[in-house]
Amino acid sequence: MNGLITPYRPMTMECAFGKNPVTHVGKLYNVAASLIAEDLVAGNPELALAECFLVSQIGHPVDQPQLVDVRLSLRRPGVAPSVSEVERTVTHHLAGLRTLADDQLSGALAIGRWPLRST
């Protein structure tokens, strides 16, 4: 989705381009996971890296994934954001899934660009 080949890093084979930005979980979860990771690192100078995995479940609303897995890499051992802070970031982005299509249409969010949000 970000135009990178990422050996030894999380990736998906799901193409985000040309998919329905309202209901296609492959697109929505790619974008949401990237935004979650981006926001966690931007808001926490103690983080070197954040990775987020979202897994959908057939028959459930898109904003209720079956699994959310967030992995954090710290700059220094023992200094990390609280679990509640990570949960707030995840919850915020899952609640905003329905606005991702509007954000893309307005240009506030662009697939294939890093960071995803325009500044």
Protein backbone atom coordinates (compact mmCIF):
# COMPACT_ATOMS: atom_id res chain seq x y z
CA MET A 1 0.00 0.00 0.00
CA ASN A 2 2.90 2.33 0.70
CA GLY A 3 4.85 1.42 -2.41
CA LEU A 4 7.50 -0.54 -0.54
CA ILE A 5 8.78 -4.09 -0.69
CA THR A 6 9.34 -4.87 2.97
CA PRO A 7 11.37 -8.02 3.67
CA TYR A 8 11.28 -8.99 7.36
CA ARG A 9 8.57 -6.41 7.98
CA PRO A 10 4.78 -6.80 8.17
CA MET A 11 3.03 -6.49 4.84
CA THR A 12 -0.07 -7.56 3.03
CA MET A 13 -0.67 -8.87 -0.44
CA GLU A 14 -3.95 -6.92 -0.51
CA CYS A 15 -3.96 -4.06 -3.00
CA ALA A 16 -5.56 -0.94 -1.55
CA PHE A 17 -5.97 0.85 -4.89
CA GLY A 18 -9.30 0.61 -6.69
CA LYS A 19 -11.13 -1.01 -3.78
CA ASN A 20 -14.37 0.24 -2.25
CA PRO A 21 -13.20 2.67 0.46
CA VAL A 22 -16.41 2.20 2.47
CA THR A 23 -16.69 -1.55 2.93
CA HIS A 24 -13.59 -3.33 1.63
CA VAL A 25 -11.75 -4.45 4.79
CA GLY A 26 -8.53 -5.06 2.86
CA LYS A 27 -8.39 -1.35 2.06
CA LEU A 28 -9.91 -0.04 5.28
CA TYR A 29 -7.72 -2.11 7.59
CA ASN A 30 -4.55 -1.31 5.61
CA VAL A 31 -5.24 2.40 5.96
CA ALA A 32 -6.43 2.23 9.58
CA ALA A 33 -3.47 0.09 10.69
CA SER A 34 -1.05 2.52 9.02
CA LEU A 35 -2.73 5.51 10.69
CA ILE A 36 -2.68 3.81 14.09
CA ALA A 37 1.03 3.07 13.81
CA GLU A 38 1.76 6.54 12.44
CA ASP A 39 -0.11 8.27 15.28
CA LEU A 40 1.46 6.13 17.98
CA VAL A 41 4.98 6.99 16.82
CA ALA A 42 4.16 10.67 16.24
CA GLY A 43 2.67 11.04 19.73
CA ASN A 44 5.33 9.08 21.62
CA PRO A 45 8.96 10.11 21.19
CA GLU A 46 9.99 7.01 23.17
CA LEU A 47 8.80 4.80 20.29
CA ALA A 48 11.16 3.90 17.48
CA LEU A 49 8.53 1.93 15.59
CA ALA A 50 4.90 0.83 15.83
CA GLU A 51 3.19 -1.90 13.83
CA CYS A 52 -0.52 -2.64 13.79
CA PHE A 53 -2.37 -5.67 12.46
CA LEU A 54 -6.16 -5.75 12.07
CA VAL A 55 -8.06 -8.94 11.29
CA SER A 56 -11.66 -8.85 10.09
CA GLN A 57 -14.41 -11.31 10.88
CA ILE A 58 -17.07 -12.22 8.34
CA GLY A 59 -20.52 -11.12 9.45
CA HIS A 60 -19.30 -8.49 11.91
CA PRO A 61 -19.24 -4.72 11.41
CA VAL A 62 -15.98 -3.40 9.96
CA ASP A 63 -15.32 -1.27 13.02
CA GLN A 64 -15.27 -4.43 15.17
CA PRO A 65 -12.24 -6.44 14.04
CA GLN A 66 -11.74 -9.95 15.35
CA LEU A 67 -8.15 -9.11 16.32
CA VAL A 68 -6.09 -5.98 16.87
CA ASP A 69 -2.37 -6.59 17.40
CA VAL A 70 -0.11 -3.63 18.11
CA ARG A 71 3.65 -4.13 18.38
CA LEU A 72 5.88 -1.39 19.73
CA SER A 73 9.65 -1.00 19.44
CA LEU A 74 11.14 1.23 22.11
CA ARG A 75 14.09 3.59 21.82
CA ARG A 76 15.07 2.74 25.43
CA PRO A 77 14.06 -0.32 27.47
CA GLY A 78 11.35 0.26 30.04
CA VAL A 79 9.89 3.48 28.63
CA ALA A 80 6.65 2.83 26.77
CA PRO A 81 3.22 4.40 26.31
CA SER A 82 0.53 3.01 28.57
CA VAL A 83 -1.79 0.27 27.36
CA SER A 84 -4.73 2.65 27.80
CA GLU A 85 -3.03 5.21 25.53
CA VAL A 86 -2.54 2.58 22.82
CA GLU A 87 -6.15 1.43 23.26
CA ARG A 88 -7.41 5.03 22.92
CA THR A 89 -5.51 5.45 19.64
CA VAL A 90 -6.86 2.16 18.27
CA THR A 91 -10.42 2.93 19.38
CA HIS A 92 -10.24 6.43 17.86
CA HIS A 93 -9.20 5.07 14.46
CA LEU A 94 -11.70 2.21 14.47
CA ALA A 95 -14.47 4.70 15.25
CA GLY A 96 -13.31 6.78 12.27
CA LEU A 97 -13.34 3.96 9.70
CA ARG A 98 -16.52 5.27 8.13
CA THR A 99 -14.91 8.65 7.36
CA LEU A 100 -11.86 7.25 5.54
CA ALA A 101 -13.60 7.44 2.15
CA ASP A 102 -14.42 11.12 2.69
CA ASP A 103 -10.85 11.79 3.82
CA GLN A 104 -9.54 10.22 0.62
CA LEU A 105 -11.93 12.19 -1.59
CA SER A 106 -11.05 15.49 0.11
CA GLY A 107 -7.32 14.85 -0.30
CA ALA A 108 -6.70 14.75 3.47
CA LEU A 109 -5.62 11.13 3.09
CA ALA A 110 -3.75 9.69 0.14
CA ILE A 111 -3.09 6.01 -0.45
CA GLY A 112 0.44 5.37 -1.65
CA ARG A 113 1.94 8.39 0.10
CA TRP A 114 3.75 8.45 3.44
CA PRO A 115 2.61 9.82 5.74
CA LEU A 116 -0.95 9.10 4.70
CA ARG A 117 -2.27 12.43 5.97
CA SER A 118 -1.45 15.62 4.13
CA THR A 119 0.19 18.26 6.27
